[in-house]
Protein backbone atom coordinates (compact mmCIF):
# COMPACT_ATOMS: atom_id res chain seq x y z
CA MET A 1 -41.06 -26.79 -28.04
CA THR A 2 -38.44 -29.47 -28.71
CA ASP A 3 -39.02 -28.73 -32.40
CA ILE A 4 -38.24 -24.71 -32.04
CA ILE A 5 -35.38 -25.47 -30.23
CA LYS A 6 -33.65 -27.60 -33.35
CA LEU A 7 -34.53 -24.44 -35.55
CA SER A 8 -30.86 -22.64 -36.08
CA GLU A 9 -32.90 -19.41 -36.52
CA TYR A 10 -33.91 -19.77 -32.65
CA ARG A 11 -31.21 -20.43 -31.11
CA ASP A 12 -29.20 -17.50 -33.15
CA TRP A 13 -31.97 -15.45 -32.01
CA LEU A 14 -31.86 -16.78 -28.40
CA ARG A 15 -28.12 -16.36 -28.49
CA ASP A 16 -28.55 -12.81 -29.20
CA LEU A 17 -31.17 -12.29 -26.71
CA LYS A 18 -28.73 -13.38 -24.08
CA GLN A 19 -26.16 -11.48 -25.13
CA GLN A 20 -28.34 -8.02 -25.11
CA ILE A 21 -29.41 -8.97 -21.55
CA ARG A 22 -25.79 -9.14 -20.23
CA THR A 23 -25.12 -6.02 -22.39
CA GLY A 24 -27.53 -4.21 -20.64
CA GLN A 25 -27.04 -4.76 -17.27
CA ILE A 26 -22.77 -4.77 -17.16
CA LYS A 27 -24.28 -1.39 -18.67
CA ALA A 28 -26.21 -0.56 -15.63
CA ALA A 29 -23.71 -1.71 -13.64
CA PHE A 30 -21.27 0.97 -14.50
CA SER A 31 -24.35 3.79 -14.57
CA VAL A 32 -24.89 2.85 -10.81
CA ASN A 33 -21.00 2.59 -10.32
CA SER A 34 -20.52 6.44 -11.86
CA GLN A 35 -23.44 8.07 -10.06
CA MET A 36 -22.50 5.99 -6.61
CA ILE A 37 -18.89 7.24 -7.19
CA MET A 38 -19.59 10.97 -7.93
CA ILE A 39 -21.89 10.72 -5.13
CA TYR A 40 -18.64 9.86 -3.15
CA TRP A 41 -16.49 12.72 -4.44
CA ASP A 42 -19.34 15.49 -4.11
CA LEU A 43 -19.55 14.13 -0.26
CA GLY A 44 -15.43 13.78 -0.15
CA LYS A 45 -15.19 17.79 -1.04
CA GLN A 46 -18.66 18.96 1.47
CA ILE A 47 -16.39 17.39 4.36
CA VAL A 48 -12.88 18.97 3.16
CA GLU A 49 -14.69 22.18 2.80
CA LYS A 50 -16.51 21.63 6.23
CA GLN A 51 -13.06 20.33 7.83
CA GLU A 52 -11.63 24.32 6.04
CA LYS A 53 -14.48 26.25 7.29
CA ALA A 54 -16.89 24.41 10.42
CA GLN A 55 -15.30 24.48 14.05
CA TRP A 56 -16.48 21.29 14.74
CA GLY A 57 -13.80 19.64 16.46
CA SER A 58 -10.73 17.03 15.86
CA SER A 59 -13.40 13.80 16.36
CA PHE A 60 -16.03 15.46 13.32
CA ILE A 61 -15.00 12.58 10.79
CA GLU A 62 -15.17 9.90 13.55
CA GLN A 63 -18.95 11.67 14.84
CA LEU A 64 -19.57 11.30 10.79
CA SER A 65 -18.63 8.35 9.56
CA LYS A 66 -20.40 7.02 13.10
CA ASP A 67 -23.77 9.29 11.75
CA LEU A 68 -23.18 8.00 7.90
CA LYS A 69 -23.54 4.31 9.08
CA GLU A 70 -27.19 4.74 10.78
CA PHE A 71 -28.70 6.35 7.92
CA VAL A 72 -27.28 3.63 5.54
CA SER A 73 -28.25 0.79 7.54
CA GLN A 74 -32.28 2.52 7.27
CA ALA A 75 -31.58 3.53 3.66
CA VAL A 76 -30.44 -0.48 2.94
CA GLY A 77 -33.34 -1.52 4.57
CA GLN A 78 -35.72 1.00 2.20
CA LEU A 79 -34.36 0.11 -1.06
CA GLU A 80 -33.73 -4.22 -0.29
CA ASN A 81 -38.07 -3.05 0.66
CA SER A 82 -38.33 -2.23 -3.33
CA SER A 83 -36.38 -5.26 -4.71
CA ASN A 84 -33.18 -3.14 -5.52
CA GLU A 85 -30.56 -5.21 -3.77
CA PHE A 86 -27.60 -4.32 -6.38
CA VAL A 87 -28.21 -0.46 -4.87
CA ALA A 88 -28.31 -1.48 -1.50
CA GLN A 89 -25.22 -4.04 -1.67
CA VAL A 90 -23.11 -1.05 -2.99
CA VAL A 91 -24.50 1.59 -0.03
CA GLN A 92 -24.42 -1.39 2.72
CA GLN A 93 -20.54 -1.84 1.66
CA PHE A 94 -18.63 1.19 0.75
CA VAL A 95 -20.32 4.28 1.82
CA PRO A 96 -18.91 4.40 5.33
CA GLN A 97 -15.56 2.77 4.19
CA PHE A 98 -15.15 5.50 2.02
CA VAL A 99 -16.22 8.00 4.77
CA GLY A 100 -12.95 6.33 6.87
CA GLN A 101 -11.07 7.05 3.93
CA ILE A 102 -11.29 10.61 3.72
CA GLN A 103 -8.02 12.70 3.59
CA SER A 104 -7.43 16.02 5.71
CA PRO A 105 -7.38 18.84 2.80
CA ASN A 106 -3.59 19.20 2.98
CA ASN A 107 -2.77 15.64 1.30
CA GLN A 108 -1.50 16.81 -1.63
CA SER A 109 -3.63 13.17 -2.83
CA ASN A 110 -5.83 14.71 -3.03
CA THR A 111 -4.85 16.94 -5.95
CA ARG A 112 -3.56 14.16 -7.30
CA LEU A 113 -6.53 12.28 -7.44
CA ARG A 114 -9.26 14.72 -8.92
CA GLN A 115 -6.95 14.16 -12.25
CA PHE A 116 -8.45 11.15 -12.91
CA VAL A 117 -12.07 11.36 -12.24
CA PRO A 118 -13.04 10.52 -15.54
CA GLN A 119 -11.05 6.75 -15.60
CA LEU A 120 -12.52 6.58 -11.82
CA LEU A 121 -15.37 6.68 -13.19
CA SER A 122 -15.22 4.10 -15.04
CA ILE A 123 -13.47 1.29 -12.38
CA PRO A 124 -16.16 -0.31 -9.60
CA TRP A 125 -15.72 1.48 -6.53
CA GLY A 126 -14.08 -1.64 -4.43
CA HIS A 127 -11.62 -1.62 -7.73
CA ASN A 128 -10.41 2.10 -6.84
CA VAL A 129 -10.93 1.38 -3.13
CA CYS A 130 -8.23 -1.45 -3.84
CA ILE A 131 -6.69 0.55 -5.87
CA ILE A 132 -6.10 3.30 -3.82
CA GLU A 133 -4.50 1.22 -0.73
CA LYS A 134 -1.78 -0.66 -2.71
CA VAL A 135 -0.29 3.09 -2.95
CA ALA A 136 2.94 3.89 -0.60
CA VAL A 137 2.17 6.90 2.22
CA THR A 138 4.31 9.04 2.89
CA ASN A 139 4.67 12.65 4.43
CA PHE A 140 7.48 13.85 1.93
CA ASN A 141 5.08 16.87 0.84
CA LEU A 142 4.77 18.32 3.41
CA THR A 143 8.60 17.24 5.38
CA LEU A 144 11.18 17.79 1.93
CA PRO A 145 11.87 20.97 -0.49
CA ALA A 146 10.23 20.45 -4.40
CA PRO A 147 12.17 18.80 -6.26
CA GLN A 148 13.40 16.52 -3.77
CA SER A 149 10.38 15.55 -2.62
CA ASP A 150 9.09 14.52 -5.76
CA LEU A 151 12.30 13.12 -5.90
CA ALA A 152 11.44 10.43 -2.72
CA ASN A 153 8.24 9.98 -3.51
CA GLU A 154 8.80 7.87 -6.74
CA LEU A 155 11.46 5.77 -5.19
CA MET A 156 8.76 3.96 -2.68
CA LYS A 157 7.02 1.15 -4.06
CA ASP A 158 3.62 -0.58 -2.96
CA PRO A 159 4.30 -3.62 -2.52
CA TYR A 160 7.76 -4.46 -3.21
CA ASN A 161 8.05 -7.70 -4.02
CA PHE A 162 11.11 -10.63 -2.36
CA ASP A 163 9.88 -13.22 -4.18
CA PHE A 164 13.52 -13.81 -4.78
CA LEU A 165 13.60 -15.29 -0.60
CA ARG A 166 11.20 -18.29 0.01
CA LEU A 167 10.85 -17.97 3.82
CA SER A 168 8.81 -19.09 6.09
CA GLU A 169 5.54 -17.56 6.67
CA LYS A 170 6.13 -16.86 10.52
CA VAL A 171 9.73 -15.64 9.67
CA LYS A 172 10.93 -13.70 12.38
CA GLU A 173 12.41 -9.90 11.48
CA THR A 174 16.36 -10.42 11.53
CA ASP A 175 15.83 -13.32 9.50
CA LEU A 176 14.08 -10.94 7.04
CA GLU A 177 16.86 -8.31 7.61
CA LYS A 178 19.34 -10.90 6.93
CA ALA A 179 18.30 -13.06 3.83
CA LEU A 180 17.56 -9.49 2.77
CA VAL A 181 21.04 -9.23 2.42
CA GLN A 182 22.22 -11.89 1.76
CA HIS A 183 20.26 -11.38 -1.73
CA ILE A 184 22.21 -8.54 -1.77
CA SER A 185 22.42 -8.46 -5.60
CA TYR A 186 18.36 -9.29 -5.76
CA PHE A 187 17.13 -6.59 -3.09
CA LEU A 188 18.94 -3.30 -4.49
CA PRO A 189 17.39 -3.56 -8.14
CA GLU A 190 14.11 -3.82 -6.34
CA LEU A 191 14.66 -0.87 -4.25
CA GLY A 192 15.89 1.42 -7.80
CA ILE A 193 18.09 2.73 -8.74
CA GLY A 194 20.35 5.27 -6.08
CA PHE A 195 20.64 2.85 -3.15
CA ALA A 196 23.70 2.41 -1.60
CA TYR A 197 23.86 -0.71 0.82
CA MET A 198 26.07 0.56 3.45
CA GLY A 199 24.87 -2.05 6.57
CA ARG A 200 22.80 -3.75 8.71
CA GLN A 201 21.98 -3.19 12.61
CA PHE A 202 24.01 -0.01 12.72
CA SER A 203 25.24 1.21 15.28
CA LEU A 204 24.05 4.45 17.48
CA LYS A 205 24.54 6.01 20.40
CA ILE A 206 22.74 7.80 22.05
CA GLY A 207 22.85 9.00 25.67
CA LYS A 208 24.36 5.86 27.74
CA LYS A 209 22.25 3.12 25.42
CA ASP A 210 23.26 1.90 21.86
CA TYR A 211 20.61 1.41 19.57
CA ARG A 212 20.18 -0.04 15.81
CA THR A 213 18.77 0.78 12.98
CA ASP A 214 17.57 -2.18 10.56
CA LEU A 215 19.57 -1.62 7.30
CA LEU A 216 20.99 1.66 6.41
CA PHE A 217 21.66 2.92 2.84
CA TYR A 218 22.86 5.95 0.92
CA HIS A 219 20.56 7.20 -1.85
CA THR A 220 23.09 8.49 -4.74
CA ARG A 221 20.61 10.72 -6.39
CA LEU A 222 18.73 12.41 -3.39
CA LYS A 223 22.31 12.84 -1.58
CA CYS A 224 20.90 11.58 1.58
CA TYR A 225 20.88 8.57 4.36
CA VAL A 226 18.54 6.42 4.02
CA ILE A 227 16.95 3.50 6.92
CA ILE A 228 14.82 1.03 6.06
CA GLU A 229 13.11 -0.92 9.25
CA LEU A 230 11.51 -3.84 8.58
CA LYS A 231 8.31 -5.31 10.25
CA THR A 232 6.69 -8.74 9.45
CA ARG A 233 3.63 -7.73 10.51
CA GLU A 234 1.12 -5.23 10.05
CA PHE A 235 1.50 -1.56 10.60
CA GLU A 236 1.26 0.02 14.75
CA PRO A 237 1.30 3.74 14.88
CA GLU A 238 4.47 3.03 17.73
CA PHE A 239 6.52 1.85 14.62
CA VAL A 240 6.93 5.55 13.11
CA GLY A 241 8.03 6.66 16.80
CA LYS A 242 11.07 4.59 16.80
CA LEU A 243 11.92 5.41 12.95
CA ASN A 244 11.42 9.04 13.68
CA PHE A 245 13.84 8.33 16.33
CA TYR A 246 16.59 7.15 13.87
CA ILE A 247 16.36 9.36 11.54
CA THR A 248 17.30 12.24 14.32
CA ALA A 249 20.01 10.11 15.53
CA ILE A 250 21.59 9.80 12.19
CA ASN A 251 20.86 13.33 11.07
CA GLU A 252 22.68 14.63 14.33
CA ARG A 253 25.02 11.85 14.77
CA ILE A 254 26.55 10.58 11.26
CA LYS A 255 24.99 13.19 8.22
CA ASP A 256 26.93 16.19 7.67
CA ASN A 257 26.48 19.51 6.43
CA LEU A 258 26.23 18.33 2.64
CA ASP A 259 23.77 15.42 3.14
CA LYS A 260 20.54 16.57 2.89
CA SER A 261 17.46 15.42 5.45
CA THR A 262 17.42 11.62 5.96
CA ILE A 263 14.63 9.93 4.60
CA GLY A 264 13.03 6.70 6.33
CA MET A 265 11.56 3.71 4.84
CA LEU A 266 8.75 1.66 6.80
CA LEU A 267 8.00 -1.91 5.28
CA CYS A 268 5.23 -3.58 6.99
CA LYS A 269 3.44 -7.51 5.57
CA ASN A 270 0.08 -5.32 5.84
CA LYS A 271 -1.15 -1.66 6.65
CA ASP A 272 -4.07 0.74 6.99
CA ASN A 273 -3.62 3.72 4.35
CA TYR A 274 -5.94 5.84 6.89
CA GLU A 275 -4.06 4.27 10.27
CA VAL A 276 -0.61 5.65 8.56
CA GLU A 277 -1.77 8.86 7.40
CA PHE A 278 -2.92 9.38 10.64
CA SER A 279 0.38 8.52 12.29
CA LEU A 280 2.25 10.29 10.34
CA ARG A 281 0.39 13.74 10.79
CA ASP A 282 2.35 15.63 13.01
CA VAL A 283 5.43 13.64 11.77
CA ASN A 284 8.49 16.24 11.23
CA ASN A 285 10.94 13.61 9.63
CA PRO A 286 10.45 12.41 6.03
CA ILE A 287 8.58 8.70 6.20
CA GLY A 288 7.49 6.61 3.68
CA VAL A 289 5.39 3.53 4.57
CA SER A 290 5.63 0.33 2.42
CA THR A 291 4.32 -3.38 2.38
CA PHE A 292 5.86 -6.03 0.81
CA HIS A 293 5.42 -9.81 0.03
CA TYR A 294 8.61 -12.74 -0.64
CA THR A 295 7.65 -16.53 -1.06
CA GLU A 296 5.75 -17.74 1.90
CA LEU A 297 6.88 -22.11 2.74
CA THR A 298 5.08 -23.43 5.33
CA ASP A 299 7.89 -25.20 7.90
CA ASP A 300 7.72 -28.48 7.14
CA ILE A 301 7.83 -27.68 3.55
CA LYS A 302 10.76 -25.03 3.93
CA ALA A 303 12.35 -27.43 6.85
CA ALA A 304 12.46 -30.15 3.51
CA LEU A 305 14.67 -27.81 1.20
CA PRO A 306 18.44 -27.79 0.88
CA SER A 307 20.15 -24.19 2.59
CA ALA A 308 21.19 -21.86 -0.13
CA GLU A 309 24.87 -22.67 1.00
CA GLU A 310 23.54 -26.40 -0.18
CA LEU A 311 22.83 -25.60 -3.33
CA GLN A 312 26.07 -23.56 -3.85
CA ASN A 313 28.35 -26.28 -2.23
CA GLU A 314 26.07 -28.66 -4.94
CA LEU A 315 26.86 -26.07 -7.81
CA LEU A 316 30.80 -25.64 -6.99
CA ASN A 317 31.01 -29.88 -6.39
CA PHE A 318 29.12 -30.01 -10.41
CA GLU A 319 31.85 -27.64 -11.92
CA ARG A 320 34.39 -29.20 -10.52
CA GLU A 321 33.17 -32.48 -11.45
CA HIS A 322 32.36 -31.68 -14.70
CA ARG A 323 36.08 -29.75 -14.88
CA ALA A 324 37.36 -33.26 -14.42
CA LYS A 325 36.14 -35.13 -17.19
């Protein structure tokens, strides 16, 4: 046996065999993945058709998800008994998840997704889920006329990159707001072309109470006001209600006849797209929900670093000393 291992011809053949096995495993995985995605796609098509034609009530999706989960548990047990662990894991992990993410038939994103079916088949389902979850969710197609809705959708990103900020991992919303304004020269390019800064904590008098938006902008291309609300925690449905209230207030108190409908942008630390879509379903004002990230520092590290003012003063002192020489 030792003599065989020393032979270069044997080693080369063994290496080729291993490569063939790896290639076969990859092809088998892609084949299973493509078949599973086709099953999910057909499943989604049937569900949308039932939503349109069958009168099964608003809890239809929730009940179907529950029933399929029970079936999947039984199917997984049968698959495991047949030693097909890979397929078992795929079914167990992704079928319930997919049913929970089925979108309403009126959602325009379904039409856009159909254009990319060939590409979707070549990507593992888990990666497809991650891609879909990273897309900013809006109701612009339902609340704005074309081409205003298309332009509004183009301005949304997910996530927004605020890595020019170095803040505590438990930063307060007011501190995040102040930091973005202090770094407005970095903040505006990240938002995109057309945003003109109008102010923070913009005051709105409604009845006997004073309300204040986080950040107010005017978009020079969309010709409308844009409210940005910041949340340093995960999305919650009540965030939409408050932003919707602010949009109505701006439309009534600030907007004139030349301005188009005010748009609201809600930026959260995290979000569940299905929950966001559900929350926006009956909202008549245009709202988009996205996420953001920044450079997170623990409190002890942040305390040890100099502030922006201290760094600026040091730079000024260095310039004065350099000129004096």
